[in-house]
Amino acid sequence: MRGLVLVELVMMVLSGVLLGFVAGLFAFKVKSRWCPRCGTYTHTMPPAAGIR
C-alpha cells in the first residue's frame, strides 16, 4: 500500500514537471537577430570587450 502511494506521488510530480517544461517551450519566444533578407544584425550589438 505504501509503495503504491509513493509511485502515485512520483508520477504526479513528474507529470507537473513535464507539463511545466512543455508550457515553457510554447511560451519561449526567440527574438530574431538576423535580417531574413540581407543577413545583417537587426539589433545594435554592444562593442566587444577590449575593442575601442
N, C-alpha and C. Protein backbone atom coordinates (compact mmCIF):
# COMPACT_ATOMS: atom_id res chain seq x y z
N MET A 1 0.83 -1.20 0.00
CA MET A 1 0.00 0.00 0.00
C MET A 1 0.87 1.26 0.00
N ARG A 2 1.89 1.30 0.85
CA ARG A 2 2.75 2.48 0.94
C ARG A 2 3.55 2.68 -0.35
N GLY A 3 3.96 1.59 -0.99
CA GLY A 3 4.70 1.68 -2.25
C GLY A 3 3.85 2.27 -3.35
N LEU A 4 2.55 1.93 -3.35
CA LEU A 4 1.64 2.45 -4.37
C LEU A 4 1.46 3.96 -4.21
N VAL A 5 1.37 4.43 -2.97
CA VAL A 5 1.25 5.87 -2.71
C VAL A 5 2.51 6.59 -3.17
N LEU A 6 3.65 6.00 -2.94
CA LEU A 6 4.92 6.60 -3.37
C LEU A 6 4.99 6.69 -4.90
N VAL A 7 4.55 5.64 -5.57
CA VAL A 7 4.57 5.63 -7.04
C VAL A 7 3.62 6.71 -7.56
N GLU A 8 2.44 6.84 -6.96
CA GLU A 8 1.50 7.87 -7.40
C GLU A 8 2.06 9.26 -7.18
N LEU A 9 2.72 9.47 -6.06
CA LEU A 9 3.32 10.76 -5.77
C LEU A 9 4.41 11.11 -6.78
N VAL A 10 5.26 10.15 -7.09
CA VAL A 10 6.33 10.37 -8.07
C VAL A 10 5.73 10.68 -9.44
N MET A 11 4.67 9.97 -9.82
CA MET A 11 4.03 10.20 -11.12
C MET A 11 3.41 11.60 -11.18
N MET A 12 2.81 12.05 -10.09
CA MET A 12 2.23 13.40 -10.06
C MET A 12 3.31 14.46 -10.19
N VAL A 13 4.41 14.28 -9.49
CA VAL A 13 5.50 15.25 -9.57
C VAL A 13 6.09 15.28 -10.97
N LEU A 14 6.34 14.12 -11.55
CA LEU A 14 6.90 14.06 -12.90
C LEU A 14 5.94 14.64 -13.93
N SER A 15 4.65 14.41 -13.76
CA SER A 15 3.66 14.98 -14.67
C SER A 15 3.68 16.51 -14.60
N GLY A 16 3.77 17.05 -13.38
CA GLY A 16 3.84 18.50 -13.22
C GLY A 16 5.09 19.09 -13.83
N VAL A 17 6.21 18.41 -13.65
CA VAL A 17 7.47 18.89 -14.23
C VAL A 17 7.40 18.86 -15.75
N LEU A 18 6.86 17.79 -16.30
CA LEU A 18 6.74 17.68 -17.76
C LEU A 18 5.79 18.73 -18.31
N LEU A 19 4.68 18.95 -17.63
CA LEU A 19 3.73 19.97 -18.06
C LEU A 19 4.36 21.36 -18.03
N GLY A 20 5.11 21.66 -16.98
CA GLY A 20 5.79 22.95 -16.89
C GLY A 20 6.84 23.12 -17.97
N PHE A 21 7.56 22.05 -18.28
CA PHE A 21 8.57 22.10 -19.33
C PHE A 21 7.93 22.38 -20.69
N VAL A 22 6.86 21.68 -21.00
CA VAL A 22 6.18 21.87 -22.29
C VAL A 22 5.58 23.26 -22.37
N ALA A 23 4.99 23.76 -21.27
CA ALA A 23 4.44 25.11 -21.27
C ALA A 23 5.55 26.14 -21.49
N GLY A 24 6.72 25.90 -20.92
CA GLY A 24 7.86 26.79 -21.12
C GLY A 24 8.34 26.79 -22.56
N LEU A 25 8.29 25.64 -23.20
CA LEU A 25 8.69 25.58 -24.61
C LEU A 25 7.76 26.39 -25.49
N PHE A 26 6.45 26.29 -25.22
CA PHE A 26 5.49 27.03 -26.03
C PHE A 26 5.52 28.53 -25.72
N ALA A 27 5.91 28.90 -24.51
CA ALA A 27 5.92 30.31 -24.13
C ALA A 27 7.21 31.01 -24.54
N PHE A 28 8.25 30.25 -24.87
CA PHE A 28 9.55 30.82 -25.20
C PHE A 28 9.48 31.49 -26.56
N LYS A 29 9.87 32.73 -26.61
CA LYS A 29 9.85 33.47 -27.87
C LYS A 29 11.27 33.85 -28.24
N VAL A 30 11.70 33.40 -29.38
CA VAL A 30 13.05 33.70 -29.85
C VAL A 30 13.00 35.00 -30.65
N LYS A 31 13.81 35.94 -30.25
CA LYS A 31 13.90 37.19 -31.00
C LYS A 31 14.91 37.00 -32.13
N SER A 32 14.50 37.35 -33.29
CA SER A 32 15.37 37.19 -34.46
C SER A 32 16.47 38.24 -34.44
N ARG A 33 17.70 37.79 -34.51
CA ARG A 33 18.84 38.72 -34.56
C ARG A 33 19.25 39.05 -35.98
N TRP A 34 18.82 38.23 -36.92
CA TRP A 34 19.31 38.38 -38.28
C TRP A 34 18.18 38.83 -39.19
N CYS A 35 18.53 39.70 -40.10
CA CYS A 35 17.58 40.14 -41.12
C CYS A 35 17.40 39.00 -42.11
N PRO A 36 16.16 38.59 -42.40
CA PRO A 36 15.97 37.46 -43.32
C PRO A 36 16.37 37.78 -44.76
N ARG A 37 16.41 39.07 -45.12
CA ARG A 37 16.76 39.43 -46.49
C ARG A 37 18.25 39.58 -46.72
N CYS A 38 18.91 40.34 -45.81
CA CYS A 38 20.32 40.65 -46.09
C CYS A 38 21.30 39.95 -45.13
N GLY A 39 20.81 39.42 -44.00
CA GLY A 39 21.69 38.68 -43.09
C GLY A 39 22.43 39.54 -42.08
N THR A 40 22.17 40.84 -42.03
CA THR A 40 22.84 41.69 -41.04
C THR A 40 22.08 41.64 -39.73
N TYR A 41 22.69 42.22 -38.69
CA TYR A 41 22.06 42.28 -37.38
C TYR A 41 20.79 43.13 -37.43
N THR A 42 19.77 42.73 -36.70
CA THR A 42 18.57 43.56 -36.61
C THR A 42 18.63 44.46 -35.38
N HIS A 43 19.51 44.16 -34.44
CA HIS A 43 19.70 44.97 -33.24
C HIS A 43 21.15 45.44 -33.20
N THR A 44 21.37 46.61 -32.63
CA THR A 44 22.76 47.07 -32.49
C THR A 44 23.45 46.23 -31.44
N MET A 45 24.63 45.78 -31.72
CA MET A 45 25.37 44.93 -30.80
C MET A 45 26.35 45.80 -30.03
N PRO A 46 26.51 45.54 -28.73
CA PRO A 46 27.50 46.30 -27.95
C PRO A 46 28.91 45.95 -28.41
N PRO A 47 29.84 46.88 -28.26
CA PRO A 47 31.21 46.57 -28.69
C PRO A 47 31.81 45.44 -27.85
N ALA A 48 32.63 44.65 -28.48
CA ALA A 48 33.27 43.55 -27.78
C ALA A 48 34.27 44.08 -26.75
N ALA A 49 34.49 43.33 -25.70
CA ALA A 49 35.41 43.75 -24.65
C ALA A 49 36.84 43.87 -25.22
N GLY A 50 37.50 44.95 -24.90
CA GLY A 50 38.87 45.15 -25.34
C GLY A 50 38.99 45.93 -26.64
N ILE A 51 37.89 46.09 -27.36
CA ILE A 51 37.93 46.83 -28.62
C ILE A 51 37.40 48.24 -28.35
N ARG A 52 38.16 49.24 -28.77
CA ARG A 52 37.76 50.63 -28.53
C ARG A 52 37.53 51.35 -29.80
